[in-house]
Amino acid sequence: MPLLELIGLTWEIRGIRRGLDRDPLTVGPGDTAVVVAAGPAEADAFTDLLLGLEMPVGGRIKVGGQEITMRLPAEREVGLVPAGAGLLPHLTVEQNLALAARDGLAPLVHGRIAFMARRMDIQGFLRSRPHELAHDERLNVALARALCRLLPVKVLVIEDRTGCGPCHAAVSAALRTDPSLAVLVVTDDRTRVASLASPAHFWETADAVEP
């Protein structure tokens, strides 16, 4: 069974209805798929749909066979690695990881951070700040933050944007850390991710066919 299914998904950007060039989009455990958007604004809008920050015009989003189209972001088993890692520069790595849990359960939060730091082999720079890390190290921290969520992540969305460093390290680290994940890269330039390791399946955004 696919972990991620996008069925008939459509959305609007600047008053134009958009969708994917092939339907449905499916990503299984251990697989990588890529959605190539028409530009950074559409890439951001598409990511927001998956995270629940925006609602689609039509269609369904399913994770693990369960429809999540109308669920709140905190209720979705979807994690995010932002383009450029998206770490807060004034916080340490440990403090950035703590942002993944927002319910105030301090002992559980610290235990989760310690577990994920060991799993991702980032214990050595928990007290460092993002600017002290290399690009790939920042991506590993962003990945660890996504996986620190108390609701287990089944689908990982990795952003790739022109002007930011490549996402390849995050894709490799995600599947190495948890081979059961479904990974979806959302990019604004196919040439940046053309060399992603197989299996990688590509979809592109396109004008939606009116019903």
N, C-alpha and C. Protein backbone atom coordinates (compact mmCIF):
# COMPACT_ATOMS: atom_id res chain seq x y z
N MET A 1 0.85 -1.20 0.00
CA MET A 1 0.00 0.00 0.00
C MET A 1 0.89 1.25 0.00
N PRO A 2 0.58 2.25 -0.83
CA PRO A 2 1.35 3.50 -0.81
C PRO A 2 1.20 4.21 0.54
N LEU A 3 2.26 4.85 0.98
CA LEU A 3 2.17 5.64 2.20
C LEU A 3 1.56 7.00 1.93
N LEU A 4 1.85 7.55 0.75
CA LEU A 4 1.30 8.85 0.37
C LEU A 4 0.53 8.70 -0.93
N GLU A 5 -0.70 9.21 -0.95
CA GLU A 5 -1.51 9.23 -2.17
C GLU A 5 -2.12 10.61 -2.33
N LEU A 6 -1.93 11.21 -3.48
CA LEU A 6 -2.59 12.45 -3.85
C LEU A 6 -3.51 12.12 -5.01
N ILE A 7 -4.81 12.22 -4.76
CA ILE A 7 -5.80 11.75 -5.72
C ILE A 7 -6.61 12.94 -6.21
N GLY A 8 -6.47 13.27 -7.51
CA GLY A 8 -7.23 14.37 -8.08
C GLY A 8 -6.98 15.70 -7.41
N LEU A 9 -5.79 15.90 -6.86
CA LEU A 9 -5.52 17.10 -6.07
C LEU A 9 -5.41 18.33 -6.97
N THR A 10 -6.18 19.38 -6.62
CA THR A 10 -6.11 20.65 -7.33
C THR A 10 -6.06 21.79 -6.33
N TRP A 11 -5.48 22.88 -6.75
CA TRP A 11 -5.36 24.06 -5.90
C TRP A 11 -5.35 25.28 -6.80
N GLU A 12 -5.45 26.46 -6.20
CA GLU A 12 -5.43 27.70 -6.98
C GLU A 12 -4.24 28.55 -6.59
N ILE A 13 -3.62 29.14 -7.60
CA ILE A 13 -2.55 30.10 -7.37
C ILE A 13 -2.73 31.23 -8.36
N ARG A 14 -2.85 32.44 -7.82
CA ARG A 14 -3.12 33.64 -8.64
C ARG A 14 -4.36 33.46 -9.50
N GLY A 15 -5.37 32.80 -8.93
CA GLY A 15 -6.65 32.63 -9.60
C GLY A 15 -6.69 31.54 -10.65
N ILE A 16 -5.60 30.80 -10.81
CA ILE A 16 -5.53 29.73 -11.81
C ILE A 16 -5.56 28.39 -11.10
N ARG A 17 -6.43 27.49 -11.56
CA ARG A 17 -6.50 26.17 -10.95
C ARG A 17 -5.37 25.30 -11.48
N ARG A 18 -4.67 24.67 -10.55
CA ARG A 18 -3.51 23.86 -10.90
C ARG A 18 -3.64 22.45 -10.34
N GLY A 19 -2.92 21.51 -10.94
CA GLY A 19 -2.92 20.13 -10.48
C GLY A 19 -1.61 19.48 -10.86
N LEU A 20 -1.60 18.16 -10.89
CA LEU A 20 -0.41 17.41 -11.30
C LEU A 20 -0.61 16.84 -12.69
N ASP A 21 0.50 16.62 -13.40
CA ASP A 21 0.39 16.17 -14.78
C ASP A 21 -0.08 14.72 -14.89
N ARG A 22 0.06 13.94 -13.82
CA ARG A 22 -0.43 12.55 -13.81
C ARG A 22 -1.15 12.29 -12.50
N ASP A 23 -2.18 11.49 -12.55
CA ASP A 23 -3.00 11.22 -11.37
C ASP A 23 -3.22 9.72 -11.24
N PRO A 24 -3.07 9.17 -10.04
CA PRO A 24 -2.70 9.84 -8.79
C PRO A 24 -1.19 9.88 -8.62
N LEU A 25 -0.73 10.64 -7.62
CA LEU A 25 0.65 10.56 -7.17
C LEU A 25 0.69 9.58 -6.02
N THR A 26 1.57 8.59 -6.09
CA THR A 26 1.71 7.61 -5.01
C THR A 26 3.19 7.43 -4.69
N VAL A 27 3.48 7.32 -3.40
CA VAL A 27 4.84 7.08 -2.93
C VAL A 27 4.80 5.99 -1.88
N GLY A 28 5.55 4.93 -2.09
CA GLY A 28 5.57 3.82 -1.16
C GLY A 28 6.68 3.93 -0.14
N PRO A 29 6.70 3.03 0.84
CA PRO A 29 7.77 3.03 1.85
C PRO A 29 9.13 2.85 1.20
N GLY A 30 10.08 3.69 1.59
CA GLY A 30 11.42 3.59 1.06
C GLY A 30 11.60 4.21 -0.31
N ASP A 31 10.55 4.80 -0.87
CA ASP A 31 10.62 5.40 -2.21
C ASP A 31 10.81 6.91 -2.12
N THR A 32 11.34 7.47 -3.20
CA THR A 32 11.48 8.91 -3.33
C THR A 32 10.71 9.36 -4.56
N ALA A 33 9.91 10.40 -4.39
CA ALA A 33 9.21 11.01 -5.52
C ALA A 33 9.54 12.49 -5.55
N VAL A 34 9.40 13.09 -6.72
CA VAL A 34 9.71 14.51 -6.90
C VAL A 34 8.54 15.19 -7.57
N VAL A 35 8.13 16.33 -7.03
CA VAL A 35 7.16 17.19 -7.70
C VAL A 35 7.90 18.44 -8.15
N VAL A 36 7.85 18.70 -9.44
CA VAL A 36 8.52 19.87 -10.02
C VAL A 36 7.47 20.95 -10.23
N ALA A 37 7.58 22.03 -9.47
CA ALA A 37 6.62 23.12 -9.56
C ALA A 37 7.08 24.15 -10.58
N ALA A 38 6.16 25.00 -11.00
CA ALA A 38 6.45 25.99 -12.04
C ALA A 38 7.29 27.16 -11.53
N GLY A 39 7.51 27.23 -10.25
CA GLY A 39 8.31 28.30 -9.67
C GLY A 39 8.28 28.20 -8.16
N PRO A 40 9.05 29.02 -7.47
CA PRO A 40 9.11 28.91 -6.01
C PRO A 40 7.78 29.18 -5.32
N ALA A 41 6.98 30.10 -5.85
CA ALA A 41 5.70 30.40 -5.21
C ALA A 41 4.77 29.19 -5.28
N GLU A 42 4.72 28.51 -6.43
CA GLU A 42 3.87 27.33 -6.53
C GLU A 42 4.44 26.18 -5.71
N ALA A 43 5.76 26.05 -5.66
CA ALA A 43 6.36 25.01 -4.83
C ALA A 43 5.97 25.21 -3.37
N ASP A 44 6.02 26.46 -2.90
CA ASP A 44 5.62 26.75 -1.52
C ASP A 44 4.14 26.44 -1.30
N ALA A 45 3.30 26.81 -2.26
CA ALA A 45 1.86 26.56 -2.13
C ALA A 45 1.57 25.06 -2.07
N PHE A 46 2.27 24.28 -2.88
CA PHE A 46 2.06 22.84 -2.90
C PHE A 46 2.48 22.22 -1.57
N THR A 47 3.62 22.64 -1.06
CA THR A 47 4.07 22.14 0.24
C THR A 47 3.06 22.46 1.32
N ASP A 48 2.50 23.67 1.29
CA ASP A 48 1.51 24.06 2.29
C ASP A 48 0.28 23.14 2.26
N LEU A 49 -0.11 22.68 1.07
CA LEU A 49 -1.23 21.74 0.97
C LEU A 49 -0.93 20.45 1.72
N LEU A 50 0.28 19.94 1.56
CA LEU A 50 0.65 18.67 2.19
C LEU A 50 0.72 18.82 3.71
N LEU A 51 1.15 19.98 4.16
CA LEU A 51 1.31 20.19 5.60
C LEU A 51 0.00 20.59 6.28
N GLY A 52 -1.01 20.95 5.50
CA GLY A 52 -2.28 21.37 6.08
C GLY A 52 -2.35 22.85 6.39
N LEU A 53 -1.41 23.63 5.85
CA LEU A 53 -1.43 25.08 6.06
C LEU A 53 -2.38 25.76 5.09
N GLU A 54 -2.71 25.10 4.00
CA GLU A 54 -3.71 25.55 3.05
C GLU A 54 -4.56 24.36 2.64
N MET A 55 -5.78 24.63 2.20
CA MET A 55 -6.69 23.57 1.77
C MET A 55 -6.77 23.52 0.25
N PRO A 56 -6.87 22.34 -0.32
CA PRO A 56 -6.99 22.24 -1.79
C PRO A 56 -8.37 22.66 -2.27
N VAL A 57 -8.46 22.93 -3.57
CA VAL A 57 -9.76 23.19 -4.20
C VAL A 57 -10.52 21.88 -4.36
N GLY A 58 -9.80 20.83 -4.69
CA GLY A 58 -10.43 19.52 -4.87
C GLY A 58 -9.43 18.41 -4.68
N GLY A 59 -9.94 17.19 -4.57
CA GLY A 59 -9.08 16.03 -4.44
C GLY A 59 -8.86 15.60 -3.01
N ARG A 60 -8.04 14.56 -2.85
CA ARG A 60 -7.81 13.98 -1.53
C ARG A 60 -6.32 13.74 -1.31
N ILE A 61 -5.94 13.85 -0.03
CA ILE A 61 -4.60 13.52 0.42
C ILE A 61 -4.72 12.37 1.41
N LYS A 62 -4.02 11.29 1.16
CA LYS A 62 -4.08 10.13 2.04
C LYS A 62 -2.68 9.75 2.50
N VAL A 63 -2.57 9.41 3.78
CA VAL A 63 -1.31 8.93 4.35
C VAL A 63 -1.58 7.61 5.05
N GLY A 64 -0.88 6.57 4.65
CA GLY A 64 -1.10 5.26 5.24
C GLY A 64 -2.51 4.75 5.05
N GLY A 65 -3.15 5.13 3.95
CA GLY A 65 -4.51 4.68 3.66
C GLY A 65 -5.60 5.51 4.30
N GLN A 66 -5.23 6.48 5.16
CA GLN A 66 -6.21 7.32 5.84
C GLN A 66 -6.25 8.71 5.21
N GLU A 67 -7.46 9.19 4.94
CA GLU A 67 -7.56 10.53 4.35
C GLU A 67 -7.24 11.59 5.39
N ILE A 68 -6.38 12.54 5.02
CA ILE A 68 -5.98 13.60 5.94
C ILE A 68 -6.25 14.98 5.35
N THR A 69 -7.01 15.04 4.26
CA THR A 69 -7.17 16.28 3.50
C THR A 69 -7.56 17.46 4.38
N MET A 70 -8.44 17.24 5.36
CA MET A 70 -8.94 18.34 6.17
C MET A 70 -8.34 18.35 7.58
N ARG A 71 -7.36 17.52 7.84
CA ARG A 71 -6.77 17.49 9.18
C ARG A 71 -5.86 18.69 9.42
N LEU A 72 -5.74 19.06 10.69
CA LEU A 72 -4.85 20.13 11.09
C LEU A 72 -3.39 19.68 10.92
N PRO A 73 -2.46 20.62 10.79
CA PRO A 73 -1.05 20.24 10.61
C PRO A 73 -0.53 19.30 11.69
N ALA A 74 -0.89 19.55 12.95
CA ALA A 74 -0.38 18.73 14.06
C ALA A 74 -0.94 17.31 14.04
N GLU A 75 -2.01 17.10 13.26
CA GLU A 75 -2.65 15.79 13.21
C GLU A 75 -2.21 14.98 11.99
N ARG A 76 -1.24 15.49 11.25
CA ARG A 76 -0.78 14.83 10.03
C ARG A 76 0.57 14.15 10.30
N GLU A 77 0.72 12.94 9.78
CA GLU A 77 1.98 12.20 9.93
C GLU A 77 2.94 12.59 8.81
N VAL A 78 3.09 13.90 8.66
CA VAL A 78 3.90 14.47 7.59
C VAL A 78 4.93 15.40 8.22
N GLY A 79 6.21 15.15 7.94
CA GLY A 79 7.29 16.00 8.43
C GLY A 79 7.86 16.83 7.30
N LEU A 80 8.58 17.89 7.66
CA LEU A 80 9.12 18.83 6.68
C LEU A 80 10.59 19.11 6.95
N VAL A 81 11.39 19.04 5.89
CA VAL A 81 12.75 19.57 5.90
C VAL A 81 12.74 20.78 4.97
N PRO A 82 12.74 22.00 5.52
CA PRO A 82 12.65 23.19 4.66
C PRO A 82 13.90 23.39 3.81
N ALA A 83 13.74 24.11 2.72
CA ALA A 83 14.89 24.49 1.91
C ALA A 83 15.86 25.28 2.77
N GLY A 84 17.14 24.94 2.70
CA GLY A 84 18.13 25.63 3.52
C GLY A 84 18.09 25.25 4.99
N ALA A 85 17.25 24.29 5.34
CA ALA A 85 17.10 23.72 6.69
C ALA A 85 16.11 24.48 7.56
N GLY A 86 15.98 25.79 7.39
CA GLY A 86 14.98 26.54 8.14
C GLY A 86 15.20 26.56 9.64
N LEU A 87 16.44 26.51 10.08
CA LEU A 87 16.73 26.54 11.52
C LEU A 87 16.74 27.99 12.01
N LEU A 88 16.32 28.19 13.24
CA LEU A 88 16.33 29.53 13.82
C LEU A 88 17.75 29.86 14.26
N PRO A 89 18.34 30.92 13.73
CA PRO A 89 19.77 31.17 13.94
C PRO A 89 20.14 31.52 15.38
N HIS A 90 19.19 32.08 16.16
CA HIS A 90 19.52 32.50 17.52
C HIS A 90 19.40 31.37 18.53
N LEU A 91 18.96 30.17 18.07
CA LEU A 91 18.80 29.03 18.96
C LEU A 91 19.89 28.00 18.69
N THR A 92 20.22 27.22 19.72
CA THR A 92 21.15 26.11 19.52
C THR A 92 20.46 24.99 18.76
N VAL A 93 21.26 24.02 18.33
CA VAL A 93 20.69 22.85 17.67
C VAL A 93 19.67 22.18 18.58
N GLU A 94 20.01 22.00 19.84
CA GLU A 94 19.10 21.35 20.78
C GLU A 94 17.80 22.12 20.91
N GLN A 95 17.89 23.44 20.97
CA GLN A 95 16.67 24.26 21.10
C GLN A 95 15.84 24.21 19.82
N ASN A 96 16.50 24.13 18.67
CA ASN A 96 15.75 23.97 17.42
C ASN A 96 15.01 22.65 17.40
N LEU A 97 15.64 21.58 17.90
CA LEU A 97 14.97 20.28 17.93
C LEU A 97 13.77 20.32 18.86
N ALA A 98 13.89 21.06 19.96
CA ALA A 98 12.80 21.11 20.93
C ALA A 98 11.54 21.75 20.35
N LEU A 99 11.68 22.53 19.28
CA LEU A 99 10.52 23.16 18.66
C LEU A 99 9.58 22.14 18.03
N ALA A 100 10.08 20.93 17.82
CA ALA A 100 9.25 19.90 17.20
C ALA A 100 8.12 19.46 18.11
N ALA A 101 8.25 19.69 19.40
CA ALA A 101 7.21 19.30 20.37
C ALA A 101 6.72 20.55 21.08
N ARG A 102 5.44 20.80 21.04
CA ARG A 102 4.91 22.05 21.56
C ARG A 102 3.89 21.84 22.68
N ASP A 103 3.90 20.69 23.32
CA ASP A 103 2.87 20.44 24.33
C ASP A 103 3.42 20.54 25.75
N GLY A 104 4.68 20.98 25.90
CA GLY A 104 5.20 21.24 27.23
C GLY A 104 5.57 20.01 28.04
N LEU A 105 5.64 18.83 27.42
CA LEU A 105 6.01 17.63 28.16
C LEU A 105 7.54 17.55 28.21
N ALA A 106 8.15 18.34 29.09
CA ALA A 106 9.60 18.52 29.09
C ALA A 106 10.39 17.21 29.17
N PRO A 107 10.11 16.30 30.11
CA PRO A 107 10.91 15.08 30.16
C PRO A 107 10.83 14.27 28.88
N LEU A 108 9.65 14.19 28.31
CA LEU A 108 9.47 13.44 27.06
C LEU A 108 10.21 14.12 25.92
N VAL A 109 10.17 15.46 25.89
CA VAL A 109 10.85 16.21 24.85
C VAL A 109 12.35 15.95 24.90
N HIS A 110 12.94 16.04 26.09
CA HIS A 110 14.38 15.85 26.22
C HIS A 110 14.77 14.42 25.86
N GLY A 111 13.95 13.46 26.24
CA GLY A 111 14.24 12.07 25.89
C GLY A 111 14.17 11.85 24.39
N ARG A 112 13.20 12.48 23.74
CA ARG A 112 13.05 12.34 22.29
C ARG A 112 14.23 12.97 21.57
N ILE A 113 14.67 14.13 22.06
CA ILE A 113 15.81 14.81 21.44
C ILE A 113 17.07 13.95 21.57
N ALA A 114 17.31 13.40 22.76
CA ALA A 114 18.49 12.58 22.99
C ALA A 114 18.48 11.35 22.08
N PHE A 115 17.30 10.73 21.95
CA PHE A 115 17.18 9.54 21.11
C PHE A 115 17.46 9.89 19.66
N MET A 116 16.86 10.96 19.17
CA MET A 116 17.03 11.31 17.76
C MET A 116 18.44 11.81 17.48
N ALA A 117 19.07 12.49 18.44
CA ALA A 117 20.45 12.94 18.25
C ALA A 117 21.38 11.76 18.09
N ARG A 118 21.16 10.71 18.88
CA ARG A 118 21.99 9.50 18.73
C ARG A 118 21.70 8.83 17.39
N ARG A 119 20.44 8.77 17.03
CA ARG A 119 20.06 8.09 15.79
C ARG A 119 20.64 8.79 14.58
N MET A 120 20.68 10.13 14.63
CA MET A 120 21.18 10.91 13.50
C MET A 120 22.67 11.25 13.63
N ASP A 121 23.28 10.83 14.74
CA ASP A 121 24.70 11.08 15.00
C ASP A 121 25.01 12.57 14.99
N ILE A 122 24.21 13.34 15.72
CA ILE A 122 24.45 14.78 15.81
C ILE A 122 24.66 15.22 17.25
N GLN A 123 24.99 14.27 18.14
CA GLN A 123 25.18 14.62 19.55
C GLN A 123 26.29 15.64 19.73
N GLY A 124 27.29 15.61 18.82
CA GLY A 124 28.47 16.45 18.99
C GLY A 124 28.23 17.93 18.82
N PHE A 125 27.11 18.33 18.22
CA PHE A 125 26.88 19.76 18.07
C PHE A 125 25.50 20.20 18.53
N LEU A 126 24.98 19.56 19.57
CA LEU A 126 23.69 19.97 20.11
C LEU A 126 23.74 21.40 20.66
N ARG A 127 24.89 21.82 21.14
CA ARG A 127 25.01 23.17 21.71
C ARG A 127 25.51 24.19 20.69
N SER A 128 25.72 23.75 19.46
CA SER A 128 26.16 24.67 18.40
C SER A 128 24.98 25.46 17.86
N ARG A 129 25.28 26.54 17.18
CA ARG A 129 24.25 27.32 16.49
C ARG A 129 24.35 27.05 14.99
N PRO A 130 23.25 27.24 14.27
CA PRO A 130 23.21 26.84 12.86
C PRO A 130 24.35 27.38 12.02
N HIS A 131 24.79 28.61 12.25
CA HIS A 131 25.84 29.19 11.40
C HIS A 131 27.18 28.50 11.59
N GLU A 132 27.32 27.72 12.64
CA GLU A 132 28.56 27.00 12.90
C GLU A 132 28.61 25.65 12.19
N LEU A 133 27.53 25.28 11.53
CA LEU A 133 27.42 23.97 10.88
C LEU A 133 27.58 24.09 9.38
N ALA A 134 28.04 23.00 8.76
CA ALA A 134 28.06 22.92 7.31
C ALA A 134 26.63 22.71 6.79
N HIS A 135 26.44 22.92 5.48
CA HIS A 135 25.10 22.81 4.90
C HIS A 135 24.47 21.44 5.18
N ASP A 136 25.20 20.36 4.91
CA ASP A 136 24.65 19.02 5.10
C ASP A 136 24.34 18.76 6.57
N GLU A 137 25.14 19.30 7.48
CA GLU A 137 24.88 19.15 8.91
C GLU A 137 23.59 19.87 9.30
N ARG A 138 23.37 21.05 8.73
CA ARG A 138 22.12 21.76 9.01
C ARG A 138 20.91 20.96 8.52
N LEU A 139 21.04 20.34 7.34
CA LEU A 139 19.95 19.52 6.83
C LEU A 139 19.69 18.33 7.75
N ASN A 140 20.74 17.73 8.30
CA ASN A 140 20.56 16.62 9.23
C ASN A 140 19.82 17.06 10.48
N VAL A 141 20.12 18.27 10.95
CA VAL A 141 19.40 18.80 12.11
C VAL A 141 17.93 19.02 11.77
N ALA A 142 17.67 19.59 10.58
CA ALA A 142 16.29 19.80 10.17
C ALA A 142 15.54 18.48 10.04
N LEU A 143 16.22 17.46 9.54
CA LEU A 143 15.62 16.13 9.45
C LEU A 143 15.33 15.58 10.85
N ALA A 144 16.29 15.71 11.75
CA ALA A 144 16.07 15.25 13.12
C ALA A 144 14.90 15.98 13.76
N ARG A 145 14.79 17.28 13.50
CA ARG A 145 13.67 18.05 14.06
C ARG A 145 12.34 17.53 13.53
N ALA A 146 12.29 17.22 12.23
CA ALA A 146 11.04 16.68 11.66
C ALA A 146 10.68 15.36 12.31
N LEU A 147 11.68 14.52 12.55
CA LEU A 147 11.41 13.19 13.12
C LEU A 147 11.22 13.21 14.62
N CYS A 148 11.49 14.36 15.27
CA CYS A 148 11.28 14.49 16.72
C CYS A 148 9.81 14.68 17.09
N ARG A 149 8.97 14.89 16.11
CA ARG A 149 7.55 15.11 16.40
C ARG A 149 6.99 13.93 17.18
N LEU A 150 6.10 14.24 18.13
CA LEU A 150 5.51 13.17 18.94
C LEU A 150 4.61 12.27 18.10
N LEU A 151 3.96 12.84 17.07
CA LEU A 151 3.20 12.02 16.13
C LEU A 151 4.18 11.47 15.11
N PRO A 152 4.37 10.16 15.07
CA PRO A 152 5.39 9.59 14.18
C PRO A 152 5.18 10.01 12.73
N VAL A 153 6.28 10.33 12.07
CA VAL A 153 6.24 10.78 10.68
C VAL A 153 6.30 9.56 9.75
N LYS A 154 5.37 9.50 8.82
CA LYS A 154 5.38 8.47 7.79
C LYS A 154 5.82 9.01 6.43
N VAL A 155 5.51 10.28 6.20
CA VAL A 155 5.84 10.94 4.94
C VAL A 155 6.72 12.14 5.24
N LEU A 156 7.85 12.22 4.55
CA LEU A 156 8.76 13.34 4.74
C LEU A 156 8.79 14.19 3.47
N VAL A 157 8.45 15.47 3.62
CA VAL A 157 8.50 16.42 2.52
C VAL A 157 9.82 17.19 2.64
N ILE A 158 10.61 17.16 1.57
CA ILE A 158 11.90 17.86 1.56
C ILE A 158 11.84 18.93 0.49
N GLU A 159 12.03 20.18 0.88
CA GLU A 159 11.99 21.29 -0.06
C GLU A 159 13.34 21.47 -0.74
N ASP A 160 13.30 21.76 -2.02
CA ASP A 160 14.50 22.10 -2.79
C ASP A 160 14.18 23.37 -3.56
N ARG A 161 14.96 24.42 -3.32
CA ARG A 161 14.67 25.70 -3.94
C ARG A 161 15.93 26.31 -4.55
N THR A 162 15.76 26.96 -5.69
CA THR A 162 16.84 27.72 -6.29
C THR A 162 17.33 28.77 -5.29
N GLY A 163 18.64 28.86 -5.15
CA GLY A 163 19.22 29.81 -4.20
C GLY A 163 19.60 29.18 -2.89
N CYS A 164 19.13 27.96 -2.63
CA CYS A 164 19.51 27.23 -1.42
C CYS A 164 20.40 26.05 -1.81
N GLY A 165 21.10 25.49 -0.83
CA GLY A 165 21.95 24.34 -1.09
C GLY A 165 21.12 23.14 -1.51
N PRO A 166 21.73 22.14 -2.16
CA PRO A 166 21.00 20.97 -2.64
C PRO A 166 20.43 20.14 -1.50
N CYS A 167 19.38 19.37 -1.82
CA CYS A 167 18.65 18.60 -0.81
C CYS A 167 19.12 17.16 -0.71
N HIS A 168 20.07 16.75 -1.55
CA HIS A 168 20.43 15.34 -1.68
C HIS A 168 20.81 14.70 -0.35
N ALA A 169 21.56 15.43 0.49
CA ALA A 169 22.00 14.86 1.77
C ALA A 169 20.81 14.52 2.65
N ALA A 170 19.77 15.36 2.63
CA ALA A 170 18.59 15.10 3.46
C ALA A 170 17.83 13.88 2.96
N VAL A 171 17.75 13.70 1.64
CA VAL A 171 17.06 12.53 1.09
C VAL A 171 17.78 11.25 1.50
N SER A 172 19.09 11.23 1.32
CA SER A 172 19.87 10.05 1.68
C SER A 172 19.79 9.75 3.17
N ALA A 173 19.92 10.79 3.99
CA ALA A 173 19.89 10.60 5.44
C ALA A 173 18.53 10.12 5.90
N ALA A 174 17.46 10.62 5.29
CA ALA A 174 16.11 10.21 5.68
C ALA A 174 15.90 8.72 5.47
N LEU A 175 16.26 8.22 4.29
CA LEU A 175 16.02 6.81 3.98
C LEU A 175 17.01 5.91 4.72
N ARG A 176 18.18 6.46 5.05
CA ARG A 176 19.13 5.68 5.85
C ARG A 176 18.65 5.58 7.30
N THR A 177 18.09 6.66 7.81
CA THR A 177 17.63 6.69 9.20
C THR A 177 16.36 5.88 9.39
N ASP A 178 15.43 5.97 8.43
CA ASP A 178 14.17 5.24 8.53
C ASP A 178 13.76 4.77 7.14
N PRO A 179 14.15 3.55 6.75
CA PRO A 179 13.84 3.05 5.41
C PRO A 179 12.35 2.89 5.13
N SER A 180 11.51 3.02 6.15
CA SER A 180 10.07 2.88 5.94
C SER A 180 9.42 4.20 5.53
N LEU A 181 10.16 5.30 5.53
CA LEU A 181 9.60 6.59 5.16
C LEU A 181 9.28 6.64 3.67
N ALA A 182 8.25 7.44 3.33
CA ALA A 182 8.02 7.86 1.95
C ALA A 182 8.54 9.29 1.85
N VAL A 183 9.42 9.55 0.88
CA VAL A 183 10.05 10.86 0.75
C VAL A 183 9.53 11.56 -0.51
N LEU A 184 9.08 12.80 -0.33
CA LEU A 184 8.61 13.60 -1.46
C LEU A 184 9.41 14.89 -1.50
N VAL A 185 10.16 15.08 -2.57
CA VAL A 185 10.92 16.30 -2.79
C VAL A 185 10.07 17.26 -3.61
N VAL A 186 9.95 18.50 -3.15
CA VAL A 186 9.20 19.52 -3.89
C VAL A 186 10.21 20.58 -4.33
N THR A 187 10.41 20.69 -5.64
CA THR A 187 11.45 21.56 -6.17
C THR A 187 10.87 22.56 -7.17
N ASP A 188 11.63 23.63 -7.41
CA ASP A 188 11.24 24.59 -8.45
C ASP A 188 12.14 24.48 -9.67
N ASP A 189 13.03 23.45 -9.70
CA ASP A 189 13.94 23.28 -10.82
C ASP A 189 14.35 21.82 -10.92
N ARG A 190 13.85 21.14 -11.94
CA ARG A 190 14.10 19.70 -12.07
C ARG A 190 15.59 19.39 -12.20
N THR A 191 16.36 20.26 -12.82
CA THR A 191 17.77 19.97 -13.03
C THR A 191 18.53 19.85 -11.72
N ARG A 192 18.02 20.48 -10.66
CA ARG A 192 18.71 20.42 -9.37
C ARG A 192 18.60 19.05 -8.72
N VAL A 193 17.57 18.28 -9.07
CA VAL A 193 17.33 17.00 -8.41
C VAL A 193 17.36 15.83 -9.38
N ALA A 194 17.80 16.09 -10.61
CA ALA A 194 17.80 15.03 -11.62
C ALA A 194 18.71 13.87 -11.24
N SER A 195 19.69 14.12 -10.38
CA SER A 195 20.65 13.07 -10.01
C SER A 195 20.28 12.34 -8.72
N LEU A 196 19.08 12.56 -8.20
CA LEU A 196 18.66 11.84 -7.00
C LEU A 196 18.71 10.33 -7.25
N ALA A 197 19.12 9.60 -6.24
CA ALA A 197 19.25 8.15 -6.38
C ALA A 197 17.89 7.51 -6.65
N SER A 198 17.89 6.44 -7.44
CA SER A 198 16.67 5.69 -7.73
C SER A 198 16.26 4.89 -6.49
N PRO A 199 14.97 4.52 -6.33
CA PRO A 199 13.92 4.90 -7.28
C PRO A 199 13.40 6.31 -7.01
N ALA A 200 13.38 7.13 -8.04
CA ALA A 200 12.81 8.47 -7.93
C ALA A 200 11.79 8.64 -9.05
N HIS A 201 10.58 9.00 -8.70
CA HIS A 201 9.49 9.17 -9.66
C HIS A 201 9.15 10.65 -9.74
N PHE A 202 8.97 11.17 -10.95
CA PHE A 202 8.78 12.60 -11.15
C PHE A 202 7.36 12.92 -11.59
N TRP A 203 6.80 13.95 -10.95
CA TRP A 203 5.54 14.57 -11.40
C TRP A 203 5.81 16.05 -11.60
N GLU A 204 5.01 16.69 -12.43
CA GLU A 204 5.10 18.13 -12.63
C GLU A 204 3.74 18.78 -12.41
N THR A 205 3.75 20.02 -11.95
CA THR A 205 2.50 20.75 -11.83
C THR A 205 2.05 21.22 -13.21
N ALA A 206 0.74 21.36 -13.36
CA ALA A 206 0.18 21.72 -14.66
C ALA A 206 -1.18 22.37 -14.44
N ASP A 207 -1.69 23.02 -15.48
CA ASP A 207 -3.05 23.56 -15.39
C ASP A 207 -4.02 22.40 -15.20
N ALA A 208 -4.95 22.57 -14.27
CA ALA A 208 -5.92 21.51 -13.99
C ALA A 208 -7.03 21.52 -15.02
N VAL A 209 -7.52 20.34 -15.33
CA VAL A 209 -8.65 20.23 -16.25
C VAL A 209 -9.91 20.54 -15.49
N GLU A 210 -10.67 21.49 -15.99
CA GLU A 210 -11.91 21.87 -15.30
C GLU A 210 -12.92 20.72 -15.36
N PRO A 211 -13.61 20.46 -14.23
CA PRO A 211 -14.60 19.37 -14.22
C PRO A 211 -15.79 19.68 -15.12
